[in-house]
């Protein structure tokens, strides 16, 4: 059939692939490699393309898995790649396509093979495939026995951080990032979190360690720049069709192309619409960054990639680096902030924002000092608003980001000063003008109500209420609709409380005749609902005691629904907190009665504003300030590692894993 394969179905019979996976060892000096690597294709851009390719070549891969321990051909291919990469930097500078083209093709094959190897064998078995040494004489690669896995990992990192990003290097940079993800993908095939891993050890110590900060910085800048994929053909030689083959004007030792299938409308011939609108390199770099940042610490070595993420500073920060962290670096915070604001539609960008706010105090301080904080907060609110369309993890991350931001009093004050016009995505009501603070309250309350009727997730409730509680003392000029929603949420809770109380009473009566009946679920439900009611009363009380005169609309809504609070005045769980609310209701009710009947809304608000000045503040009982701080649960890796890998599984560019092989998470959680 010659050098060319005209369809995917012919790939298993391709002579070059057959030789690679055959029984004969191939020296890294063999001209065969020039022939194997002289193919041209548009790199597959989605998992469907790669699935087709993988299914077509699985027989080749199986043969290589079986015969490689005796032939060492995988090692030879890797050594060929390593030798080509030595010229990459100067090739990029000189616009020399040949080395870049063949190095990319070598890496693409290595990546495809590695993915199959890693999904089918343990790390120890994988190591054996890398340790073959030719018995007959020293190889030209070097007489000393190199550790080929470490050599390859280090080379990939060097390629990412040192090769300038140009049209002709874009594909190989993307392939290097992808191959590192594949190297780390052994986690996908284990139910438990990997705490001891050969690949992790290579990346966290030895030759890879000095590149830690440069790798993190480069991956962050790849995310920031969002460089689009260059047009097809810019990274390879301009091809000329000649007798159905692909001819390149280079040395005659190079074959006339290998897999024309890639350019004949088969695999990877058409980029997906989604990828045309985004940056594959930015997306893949972010996924790799999240994977590296969430590697577990070794017993004697903290994760250096997480250390780098925790400690990097703004390029405008001239303070000295701490000697205790060798992985610190500087990056442009303005560019980072802009990218984070623009990319929040993706889970992985929200997760990155969470990590930076939670772990890097420099980033958190910078974000909180921004005068355009709405550019960051609005996309987060939109995630929460469309809670039905998002996976629960994305919602959690968005909510925790809000909780972290509301720990800062400056943030809680400033959001009420930012006035927004026409929030088009908020569908319940036309909001022509509203403060960012009032919108935040509306969205968080809507999330609580959604959770009460659908998911009933206590963790979600807790974080929503904690964010509202942190803000409550700083509520300012609440929009009338936000004030109404606070009270209507309390109304909903009150109705739910009465219903559960009635069910609990009936259940208790029914179980009186049976001594061994378990505690009814209603008792637990009642306990949860009363905790939430208590928290809502504390939030209302906090606003009334700290900023009543700033919030006439809340007082108005409180008076309008005053009957709601009657049942809680004498309830032992709420009696103390009800004192202030009761006092405010009584005080303003009497002033309204004095003003006469049939008052307009404007007149009522005017009376409330006047009364707010006259209300004796010393009669309001002081309660401890409501302050909640987000703290990661113990062993956060049990949550974050499956989450990160589910993002890789679902979002990685042109990576496909058979869902039946995945052990780390169930498919519906991905």
Foldseek 3Di string as FASTA:
>chain_A
DPQEDQALLCVCVHPLLCVLLDQAADALVDLSLLAQLPADFQPFFAQVLLVSNCVSCVVSLVSNLVRLLPRLSLLSLLLNLLVLLVCQQVCLVVVPLPSLSSSLSSLVVNLSSLLVVLLPDALVSVQSSNQDDDPPDAGPSDNDRDSSLLSSLQSLLCLLLPRDDDLQNPSSNLSSLSSLCSVVCNCQQDQDADQDDPSQVSCCDDPNPVCQLSLLQSLLVCLLVQDARDDPPSNHADWDQDPNFTCHPDDPSYGRHHYCNNCPPGRRNDHDPVSRVTHQSNLSSLLSLLLQLLRCAHPVGHRLNVLQLLAEAAPPDPDDGDPVRPNYYYDHLVSSVVSLLPPLVDLSSLVSLLSNCVRHVRSVVVQLPDLVVCSNLVSLLLCLQVVVPDAPSSVVSSLQSLLSSLLDVSSLQSQQVAKDAFPPSPPPDTPGIHGSNLSLLVSLLVSVVCCVVPVVDLVSLVSSLLSLLSNLLNDFQHDLVSLLSLVVSLVVLLVVLVVLVVVQVVVCVVCPVPPPDDRDVSVVVNVSSLVSNQSSLSSLLSNCLRPQLRYLSNLVSCLVPVVSCVVVCPPPSCVVSVQQSVVSNVQLVVQVVVVPPDDDPVRSSVSSNVVSVVPDSVSRDDDPRRHDHDDQDPPNSLPSVLVSVLCCAPPNTNDHDDQVSGNNDHNVSD
